[in-house]
Amino acid sequence: MQCAVIEAARHLAGLDRAHSTEFDRRTPHPVICLLEEQKGIIDKGGTMRLGAQPCVLSEGTRSAAAYGCTTISERHRHRYEFNSRYRQQLEAAGLVVAGTSPDGSLVEIVELADHPWFVAVQFHPEFKSKPTKAHPLFAGLVAASVERHAGSAWVAEV
């Protein structure tokens, strides 16, 4: 999700040199940054946002459709977050905030409404995916791909 937000900030919202402070501490538009409570921590060991975290999905989003519900729990392992100071500006530019922490303070999922399947997440769906039971977001991606190519000139070679 972090690189997707950087891309949206640069090319949808026109925020030249938008970046993550993890990559560029001097960016004029830190759309991804450390959580406020982590900025003063020097020894970062053991300070990541880890483990299962609840997420509330916005109704009518691709994410909610993929999960078939509006409350989920997913596994995290990260330190940098979506900078909420840019939320209104990015939403106005077309980025859809599709999932947040229960209190709405942390952005967990973003989407583009006018794209066949642009869903980016802050968590790790691969941790809950299995060869015989794909994670709902992976299954959604494959379904969107099949739907997009159905009826097109594309034919798989056997």
N, C-alpha and C. Protein backbone atom coordinates (compact mmCIF):
# COMPACT_ATOMS: atom_id res chain seq x y z
N MET A 1 0.82 -1.18 0.00
CA MET A 1 0.00 0.00 0.00
C MET A 1 0.86 1.25 0.00
N GLN A 2 1.99 1.19 0.67
CA GLN A 2 2.78 2.41 0.82
C GLN A 2 3.23 2.96 -0.53
N CYS A 3 3.73 2.12 -1.41
CA CYS A 3 4.16 2.61 -2.73
C CYS A 3 2.96 3.02 -3.59
N ALA A 4 1.83 2.38 -3.41
CA ALA A 4 0.62 2.78 -4.14
C ALA A 4 0.18 4.17 -3.72
N VAL A 5 0.28 4.49 -2.45
CA VAL A 5 -0.10 5.81 -1.96
C VAL A 5 0.88 6.86 -2.49
N ILE A 6 2.16 6.54 -2.52
CA ILE A 6 3.15 7.46 -3.08
C ILE A 6 2.81 7.75 -4.54
N GLU A 7 2.53 6.71 -5.30
CA GLU A 7 2.18 6.88 -6.71
C GLU A 7 0.92 7.72 -6.88
N ALA A 8 -0.10 7.45 -6.10
CA ALA A 8 -1.34 8.23 -6.17
C ALA A 8 -1.09 9.69 -5.80
N ALA A 9 -0.28 9.91 -4.80
CA ALA A 9 0.02 11.28 -4.38
C ALA A 9 0.72 12.04 -5.50
N ARG A 10 1.67 11.40 -6.16
CA ARG A 10 2.41 12.07 -7.22
C ARG A 10 1.57 12.30 -8.47
N HIS A 11 0.84 11.28 -8.89
CA HIS A 11 0.20 11.34 -10.20
C HIS A 11 -1.30 11.63 -10.18
N LEU A 12 -1.97 11.43 -9.08
CA LEU A 12 -3.38 11.83 -8.99
C LEU A 12 -3.53 13.18 -8.31
N ALA A 13 -2.78 13.37 -7.23
CA ALA A 13 -2.91 14.61 -6.45
C ALA A 13 -1.88 15.67 -6.84
N GLY A 14 -0.93 15.31 -7.71
CA GLY A 14 0.05 16.28 -8.18
C GLY A 14 1.04 16.72 -7.12
N LEU A 15 1.31 15.87 -6.14
CA LEU A 15 2.25 16.20 -5.06
C LEU A 15 3.66 15.78 -5.48
N ASP A 16 4.33 16.68 -6.17
CA ASP A 16 5.68 16.42 -6.66
C ASP A 16 6.60 16.01 -5.52
N ARG A 17 7.37 14.95 -5.74
CA ARG A 17 8.33 14.42 -4.77
C ARG A 17 7.67 13.84 -3.51
N ALA A 18 6.37 13.51 -3.59
CA ALA A 18 5.75 12.80 -2.46
C ALA A 18 6.50 11.50 -2.26
N HIS A 19 6.66 11.12 -1.00
CA HIS A 19 7.42 9.90 -0.71
C HIS A 19 7.10 9.40 0.69
N SER A 20 7.76 8.34 1.06
CA SER A 20 7.74 7.82 2.42
C SER A 20 8.99 8.33 3.12
N THR A 21 8.85 8.69 4.37
CA THR A 21 10.03 9.13 5.11
C THR A 21 11.01 7.97 5.34
N GLU A 22 10.56 6.76 5.11
CA GLU A 22 11.46 5.61 5.18
C GLU A 22 12.48 5.68 4.05
N PHE A 23 12.06 6.21 2.89
CA PHE A 23 12.93 6.29 1.72
C PHE A 23 13.59 7.66 1.57
N ASP A 24 12.87 8.72 1.94
CA ASP A 24 13.37 10.08 1.76
C ASP A 24 12.90 10.93 2.95
N ARG A 25 13.77 11.11 3.91
CA ARG A 25 13.40 11.87 5.12
C ARG A 25 13.12 13.34 4.83
N ARG A 26 13.58 13.84 3.71
CA ARG A 26 13.41 15.26 3.39
C ARG A 26 12.28 15.52 2.39
N THR A 27 11.46 14.53 2.11
CA THR A 27 10.38 14.73 1.15
C THR A 27 9.48 15.89 1.58
N PRO A 28 9.05 16.72 0.63
CA PRO A 28 8.15 17.81 1.00
C PRO A 28 6.73 17.32 1.29
N HIS A 29 6.43 16.08 0.85
CA HIS A 29 5.10 15.51 1.06
C HIS A 29 5.24 14.10 1.63
N PRO A 30 5.38 13.97 2.95
CA PRO A 30 5.54 12.65 3.57
C PRO A 30 4.20 11.92 3.69
N VAL A 31 3.74 11.36 2.57
CA VAL A 31 2.43 10.69 2.56
C VAL A 31 2.44 9.38 3.34
N ILE A 32 3.63 8.84 3.56
CA ILE A 32 3.84 7.67 4.41
C ILE A 32 4.91 8.07 5.42
N CYS A 33 4.64 7.82 6.71
CA CYS A 33 5.60 8.23 7.73
C CYS A 33 5.47 7.36 8.97
N LEU A 34 6.38 7.57 9.90
CA LEU A 34 6.30 6.88 11.19
C LEU A 34 5.07 7.37 11.95
N LEU A 35 4.51 6.48 12.74
CA LEU A 35 3.44 6.90 13.63
C LEU A 35 4.00 7.93 14.61
N GLU A 36 3.19 8.89 15.00
CA GLU A 36 3.64 9.94 15.92
C GLU A 36 4.31 9.36 17.17
N GLU A 37 3.72 8.30 17.74
CA GLU A 37 4.27 7.74 18.97
C GLU A 37 5.61 7.05 18.76
N GLN A 38 6.03 6.84 17.49
CA GLN A 38 7.31 6.20 17.22
C GLN A 38 8.41 7.18 16.84
N LYS A 39 8.06 8.42 16.57
CA LYS A 39 9.04 9.39 16.09
C LYS A 39 10.17 9.65 17.08
N GLY A 40 9.93 9.56 18.37
CA GLY A 40 10.95 9.83 19.36
C GLY A 40 11.75 8.61 19.77
N ILE A 41 11.39 7.45 19.28
CA ILE A 41 12.07 6.21 19.66
C ILE A 41 13.37 6.07 18.87
N ILE A 42 14.47 5.94 19.59
CA ILE A 42 15.78 5.78 18.94
C ILE A 42 16.04 4.31 18.65
N ASP A 43 15.88 3.44 19.66
CA ASP A 43 16.09 2.01 19.50
C ASP A 43 14.77 1.41 19.02
N LYS A 44 14.67 1.15 17.71
CA LYS A 44 13.41 0.73 17.10
C LYS A 44 13.10 -0.76 17.26
N GLY A 45 14.02 -1.55 17.78
CA GLY A 45 13.77 -2.98 17.92
C GLY A 45 12.50 -3.27 18.71
N GLY A 46 11.65 -4.12 18.14
CA GLY A 46 10.42 -4.52 18.83
C GLY A 46 9.32 -3.46 18.85
N THR A 47 9.44 -2.42 18.00
CA THR A 47 8.43 -1.36 18.03
C THR A 47 7.51 -1.37 16.81
N MET A 48 7.60 -2.39 16.00
CA MET A 48 6.72 -2.47 14.83
C MET A 48 5.27 -2.71 15.24
N ARG A 49 4.37 -2.39 14.35
CA ARG A 49 2.97 -2.74 14.53
C ARG A 49 2.86 -4.19 14.06
N LEU A 50 2.71 -5.09 14.99
CA LEU A 50 2.78 -6.52 14.69
C LEU A 50 1.47 -7.23 15.01
N GLY A 51 1.25 -8.34 14.31
CA GLY A 51 0.16 -9.24 14.63
C GLY A 51 -1.18 -8.83 14.07
N ALA A 52 -2.19 -9.58 14.48
CA ALA A 52 -3.55 -9.37 13.99
C ALA A 52 -4.09 -8.02 14.47
N GLN A 53 -4.66 -7.28 13.53
CA GLN A 53 -5.25 -5.98 13.82
C GLN A 53 -6.62 -5.93 13.16
N PRO A 54 -7.61 -5.36 13.84
CA PRO A 54 -8.94 -5.25 13.23
C PRO A 54 -8.97 -4.15 12.17
N CYS A 55 -9.87 -4.32 11.22
CA CYS A 55 -10.03 -3.37 10.13
C CYS A 55 -11.51 -3.29 9.77
N VAL A 56 -12.00 -2.08 9.57
CA VAL A 56 -13.39 -1.86 9.18
C VAL A 56 -13.40 -1.46 7.71
N LEU A 57 -14.14 -2.21 6.90
CA LEU A 57 -14.21 -1.96 5.46
C LEU A 57 -15.39 -1.07 5.13
N SER A 58 -15.20 -0.21 4.15
CA SER A 58 -16.26 0.67 3.69
C SER A 58 -17.19 -0.10 2.77
N GLU A 59 -18.48 0.01 3.02
CA GLU A 59 -19.45 -0.66 2.17
C GLU A 59 -19.35 -0.15 0.75
N GLY A 60 -19.58 -1.04 -0.21
CA GLY A 60 -19.54 -0.67 -1.61
C GLY A 60 -18.16 -0.70 -2.23
N THR A 61 -17.15 -1.07 -1.47
CA THR A 61 -15.79 -1.14 -2.02
C THR A 61 -15.51 -2.55 -2.53
N ARG A 62 -14.48 -2.66 -3.37
CA ARG A 62 -14.08 -3.98 -3.86
C ARG A 62 -13.62 -4.86 -2.70
N SER A 63 -12.97 -4.24 -1.73
CA SER A 63 -12.48 -5.01 -0.58
C SER A 63 -13.64 -5.64 0.18
N ALA A 64 -14.66 -4.85 0.47
CA ALA A 64 -15.82 -5.38 1.20
C ALA A 64 -16.50 -6.49 0.40
N ALA A 65 -16.57 -6.31 -0.92
CA ALA A 65 -17.17 -7.34 -1.77
C ALA A 65 -16.33 -8.62 -1.73
N ALA A 66 -15.01 -8.49 -1.77
CA ALA A 66 -14.13 -9.66 -1.75
C ALA A 66 -14.25 -10.44 -0.45
N TYR A 67 -14.30 -9.72 0.66
CA TYR A 67 -14.40 -10.37 1.97
C TYR A 67 -15.81 -10.84 2.27
N GLY A 68 -16.80 -10.15 1.71
CA GLY A 68 -18.19 -10.49 2.00
C GLY A 68 -18.63 -10.03 3.38
N CYS A 69 -17.93 -9.05 3.93
CA CYS A 69 -18.26 -8.51 5.25
C CYS A 69 -17.59 -7.14 5.39
N THR A 70 -17.82 -6.48 6.51
CA THR A 70 -17.22 -5.16 6.69
C THR A 70 -16.29 -5.07 7.90
N THR A 71 -16.05 -6.17 8.59
CA THR A 71 -15.09 -6.19 9.69
C THR A 71 -14.18 -7.39 9.51
N ILE A 72 -12.87 -7.13 9.46
CA ILE A 72 -11.89 -8.20 9.26
C ILE A 72 -10.76 -8.06 10.27
N SER A 73 -9.89 -9.05 10.29
CA SER A 73 -8.68 -9.00 11.09
C SER A 73 -7.55 -9.53 10.22
N GLU A 74 -6.48 -8.75 10.12
CA GLU A 74 -5.36 -9.15 9.27
C GLU A 74 -4.04 -8.93 10.01
N ARG A 75 -3.02 -9.65 9.57
CA ARG A 75 -1.72 -9.61 10.22
C ARG A 75 -0.83 -8.50 9.67
N HIS A 76 -0.20 -7.79 10.58
CA HIS A 76 0.66 -6.67 10.24
C HIS A 76 2.10 -6.94 10.66
N ARG A 77 3.01 -6.26 10.00
CA ARG A 77 4.42 -6.26 10.37
C ARG A 77 5.06 -5.05 9.71
N HIS A 78 4.87 -3.89 10.30
CA HIS A 78 5.39 -2.67 9.71
C HIS A 78 5.50 -1.57 10.75
N ARG A 79 6.15 -0.51 10.36
CA ARG A 79 6.38 0.63 11.26
C ARG A 79 5.85 1.93 10.65
N TYR A 80 5.78 2.00 9.34
CA TYR A 80 5.36 3.22 8.65
C TYR A 80 3.89 3.13 8.27
N GLU A 81 3.21 4.29 8.30
CA GLU A 81 1.76 4.34 8.07
C GLU A 81 1.39 5.44 7.09
N PHE A 82 0.20 5.34 6.57
CA PHE A 82 -0.42 6.39 5.75
C PHE A 82 -0.51 7.65 6.61
N ASN A 83 -0.05 8.78 6.08
CA ASN A 83 -0.08 10.04 6.81
C ASN A 83 -1.46 10.67 6.65
N SER A 84 -2.25 10.66 7.70
CA SER A 84 -3.63 11.13 7.65
C SER A 84 -3.76 12.62 7.30
N ARG A 85 -2.67 13.38 7.42
CA ARG A 85 -2.73 14.79 7.01
C ARG A 85 -3.03 14.92 5.52
N TYR A 86 -2.76 13.87 4.74
CA TYR A 86 -2.99 13.90 3.30
C TYR A 86 -4.27 13.17 2.88
N ARG A 87 -5.01 12.67 3.83
CA ARG A 87 -6.17 11.84 3.50
C ARG A 87 -7.20 12.58 2.65
N GLN A 88 -7.64 13.75 3.07
CA GLN A 88 -8.65 14.48 2.31
C GLN A 88 -8.17 14.82 0.91
N GLN A 89 -6.93 15.25 0.79
CA GLN A 89 -6.38 15.63 -0.50
C GLN A 89 -6.31 14.42 -1.45
N LEU A 90 -5.89 13.28 -0.93
CA LEU A 90 -5.79 12.08 -1.76
C LEU A 90 -7.17 11.53 -2.12
N GLU A 91 -8.11 11.60 -1.19
CA GLU A 91 -9.47 11.16 -1.50
C GLU A 91 -10.09 12.07 -2.56
N ALA A 92 -9.86 13.36 -2.47
CA ALA A 92 -10.38 14.31 -3.47
C ALA A 92 -9.79 14.04 -4.84
N ALA A 93 -8.58 13.49 -4.88
CA ALA A 93 -7.91 13.17 -6.15
C ALA A 93 -8.33 11.83 -6.71
N GLY A 94 -9.12 11.05 -5.96
CA GLY A 94 -9.63 9.78 -6.48
C GLY A 94 -9.23 8.54 -5.72
N LEU A 95 -8.37 8.66 -4.73
CA LEU A 95 -7.99 7.49 -3.94
C LEU A 95 -9.13 7.19 -2.96
N VAL A 96 -9.57 5.96 -2.92
CA VAL A 96 -10.66 5.55 -2.04
C VAL A 96 -10.06 4.88 -0.80
N VAL A 97 -10.38 5.39 0.36
CA VAL A 97 -9.97 4.72 1.60
C VAL A 97 -11.03 3.66 1.87
N ALA A 98 -10.66 2.41 1.63
CA ALA A 98 -11.61 1.31 1.69
C ALA A 98 -11.61 0.58 3.02
N GLY A 99 -10.59 0.78 3.84
CA GLY A 99 -10.50 0.11 5.13
C GLY A 99 -9.67 0.91 6.09
N THR A 100 -10.13 0.97 7.34
CA THR A 100 -9.41 1.71 8.38
C THR A 100 -9.40 0.91 9.68
N SER A 101 -8.60 1.38 10.61
CA SER A 101 -8.66 0.84 11.97
C SER A 101 -10.06 1.18 12.50
N PRO A 102 -10.54 0.47 13.52
CA PRO A 102 -11.89 0.72 14.02
C PRO A 102 -12.17 2.17 14.40
N ASP A 103 -11.17 2.90 14.88
CA ASP A 103 -11.39 4.31 15.24
C ASP A 103 -11.22 5.25 14.04
N GLY A 104 -10.89 4.70 12.87
CA GLY A 104 -10.75 5.49 11.66
C GLY A 104 -9.44 6.23 11.53
N SER A 105 -8.54 6.07 12.49
CA SER A 105 -7.30 6.86 12.48
C SER A 105 -6.22 6.30 11.56
N LEU A 106 -6.21 5.00 11.31
CA LEU A 106 -5.19 4.39 10.47
C LEU A 106 -5.81 3.84 9.19
N VAL A 107 -5.23 4.20 8.06
CA VAL A 107 -5.71 3.69 6.77
C VAL A 107 -5.07 2.33 6.54
N GLU A 108 -5.92 1.34 6.27
CA GLU A 108 -5.45 -0.05 6.08
C GLU A 108 -5.55 -0.51 4.63
N ILE A 109 -6.53 0.05 3.87
CA ILE A 109 -6.75 -0.37 2.49
C ILE A 109 -7.11 0.85 1.65
N VAL A 110 -6.51 0.93 0.46
CA VAL A 110 -6.90 1.97 -0.50
C VAL A 110 -7.26 1.29 -1.82
N GLU A 111 -8.11 1.97 -2.58
CA GLU A 111 -8.54 1.46 -3.88
C GLU A 111 -8.65 2.64 -4.85
N LEU A 112 -8.74 2.31 -6.13
CA LEU A 112 -9.12 3.27 -7.16
C LEU A 112 -10.45 2.79 -7.72
N ALA A 113 -11.47 3.61 -7.63
CA ALA A 113 -12.81 3.21 -8.04
C ALA A 113 -12.92 2.95 -9.54
N ASP A 114 -12.17 3.67 -10.35
CA ASP A 114 -12.30 3.54 -11.80
C ASP A 114 -11.30 2.56 -12.41
N HIS A 115 -10.77 1.69 -11.62
CA HIS A 115 -9.80 0.69 -12.08
C HIS A 115 -10.40 -0.70 -11.88
N PRO A 116 -10.14 -1.64 -12.81
CA PRO A 116 -10.72 -2.98 -12.66
C PRO A 116 -10.37 -3.67 -11.34
N TRP A 117 -9.16 -3.45 -10.83
CA TRP A 117 -8.79 -4.02 -9.53
C TRP A 117 -7.52 -3.36 -9.04
N PHE A 118 -7.66 -2.21 -8.44
CA PHE A 118 -6.53 -1.55 -7.81
C PHE A 118 -6.86 -1.52 -6.32
N VAL A 119 -6.34 -2.49 -5.61
CA VAL A 119 -6.56 -2.62 -4.17
C VAL A 119 -5.18 -2.78 -3.54
N ALA A 120 -4.86 -1.91 -2.61
CA ALA A 120 -3.56 -1.97 -1.94
C ALA A 120 -3.79 -1.98 -0.44
N VAL A 121 -3.03 -2.82 0.26
CA VAL A 121 -3.27 -3.02 1.69
C VAL A 121 -2.01 -2.79 2.51
N GLN A 122 -2.21 -2.42 3.76
CA GLN A 122 -1.12 -2.17 4.70
C GLN A 122 -0.66 -3.46 5.38
N PHE A 123 -1.46 -4.46 5.33
CA PHE A 123 -1.18 -5.73 6.02
C PHE A 123 -0.65 -6.77 5.03
N HIS A 124 -0.51 -8.00 5.48
CA HIS A 124 0.08 -9.08 4.69
C HIS A 124 -0.93 -10.18 4.40
N PRO A 125 -1.68 -10.07 3.30
CA PRO A 125 -2.66 -11.10 2.99
C PRO A 125 -2.03 -12.46 2.69
N GLU A 126 -0.78 -12.47 2.29
CA GLU A 126 -0.13 -13.74 1.99
C GLU A 126 -0.02 -14.63 3.22
N PHE A 127 -0.06 -14.03 4.41
CA PHE A 127 0.02 -14.83 5.63
C PHE A 127 -1.22 -15.70 5.84
N LYS A 128 -2.33 -15.34 5.19
CA LYS A 128 -3.58 -16.08 5.38
C LYS A 128 -4.05 -16.77 4.10
N SER A 129 -3.18 -16.87 3.11
CA SER A 129 -3.54 -17.51 1.85
C SER A 129 -2.95 -18.91 1.79
N LYS A 130 -3.69 -19.82 1.19
CA LYS A 130 -3.24 -21.20 1.05
C LYS A 130 -3.41 -21.64 -0.40
N PRO A 131 -2.67 -22.62 -0.83
CA PRO A 131 -2.82 -23.08 -2.22
C PRO A 131 -4.24 -23.51 -2.57
N THR A 132 -4.94 -24.08 -1.61
CA THR A 132 -6.30 -24.54 -1.89
C THR A 132 -7.38 -23.57 -1.41
N LYS A 133 -6.96 -22.47 -0.78
CA LYS A 133 -7.92 -21.46 -0.33
C LYS A 133 -7.24 -20.10 -0.37
N ALA A 134 -7.39 -19.44 -1.51
CA ALA A 134 -6.74 -18.14 -1.70
C ALA A 134 -7.34 -17.10 -0.77
N HIS A 135 -6.52 -16.18 -0.35
CA HIS A 135 -7.00 -15.03 0.43
C HIS A 135 -8.06 -14.31 -0.40
N PRO A 136 -9.09 -13.75 0.23
CA PRO A 136 -10.15 -13.07 -0.53
C PRO A 136 -9.66 -12.00 -1.49
N LEU A 137 -8.61 -11.27 -1.14
CA LEU A 137 -8.11 -10.23 -2.05
C LEU A 137 -7.39 -10.83 -3.25
N PHE A 138 -6.68 -11.94 -3.06
CA PHE A 138 -6.04 -12.61 -4.19
C PHE A 138 -7.10 -13.22 -5.11
N ALA A 139 -8.11 -13.84 -4.51
CA ALA A 139 -9.20 -14.41 -5.30
C ALA A 139 -9.91 -13.30 -6.08
N GLY A 140 -10.08 -12.14 -5.46
CA GLY A 140 -10.71 -11.00 -6.13
C GLY A 140 -9.90 -10.50 -7.30
N LEU A 141 -8.59 -10.46 -7.14
CA LEU A 141 -7.70 -10.05 -8.22
C LEU A 141 -7.81 -11.00 -9.41
N VAL A 142 -7.77 -12.29 -9.13
CA VAL A 142 -7.87 -13.28 -10.21
C VAL A 142 -9.25 -13.17 -10.88
N ALA A 143 -10.31 -13.04 -10.10
CA ALA A 143 -11.66 -12.91 -10.67
C ALA A 143 -11.77 -11.66 -11.54
N ALA A 144 -11.20 -10.55 -11.11
CA ALA A 144 -11.24 -9.32 -11.90
C ALA A 144 -10.46 -9.50 -13.20
N SER A 145 -9.35 -10.22 -13.16
CA SER A 145 -8.56 -10.48 -14.36
C SER A 145 -9.33 -11.34 -15.34
N VAL A 146 -9.95 -12.38 -14.84
CA VAL A 146 -10.74 -13.26 -15.70
C VAL A 146 -11.90 -12.49 -16.32
N GLU A 147 -12.58 -11.70 -15.51
CA GLU A 147 -13.71 -10.91 -16.00
C GLU A 147 -13.26 -9.92 -17.07
N ARG A 148 -12.13 -9.30 -16.85
CA ARG A 148 -11.63 -8.30 -17.81
C ARG A 148 -11.28 -8.93 -19.14
N HIS A 149 -10.79 -10.15 -19.11
CA HIS A 149 -10.38 -10.81 -20.35
C HIS A 149 -11.48 -11.66 -20.98
N ALA A 150 -12.55 -11.89 -20.27
CA ALA A 150 -13.66 -12.66 -20.83
C ALA A 150 -14.22 -11.92 -22.04
N GLY A 151 -14.32 -12.62 -23.14
CA GLY A 151 -14.86 -11.99 -24.34
C GLY A 151 -13.85 -11.19 -25.12
N SER A 152 -12.62 -11.08 -24.63
CA SER A 152 -11.60 -10.34 -25.38
C SER A 152 -10.90 -11.28 -26.35
N ALA A 153 -10.00 -10.75 -27.11
CA ALA A 153 -9.26 -11.55 -28.06
C ALA A 153 -8.19 -12.40 -27.39
N TRP A 154 -7.97 -12.18 -26.10
CA TRP A 154 -6.95 -12.92 -25.37
C TRP A 154 -7.36 -14.37 -25.23
N VAL A 155 -6.47 -15.27 -25.58
CA VAL A 155 -6.73 -16.70 -25.46
C VAL A 155 -5.48 -17.34 -24.86
N ALA A 156 -5.68 -18.12 -23.83
CA ALA A 156 -4.55 -18.81 -23.22
C ALA A 156 -4.09 -19.95 -24.12
N GLU A 157 -2.80 -20.10 -24.27
CA GLU A 157 -2.27 -21.20 -25.03
C GLU A 157 -2.10 -22.39 -24.12
N VAL A 158 -2.50 -23.54 -24.62
CA VAL A 158 -2.42 -24.76 -23.82
C VAL A 158 -1.21 -25.55 -24.21
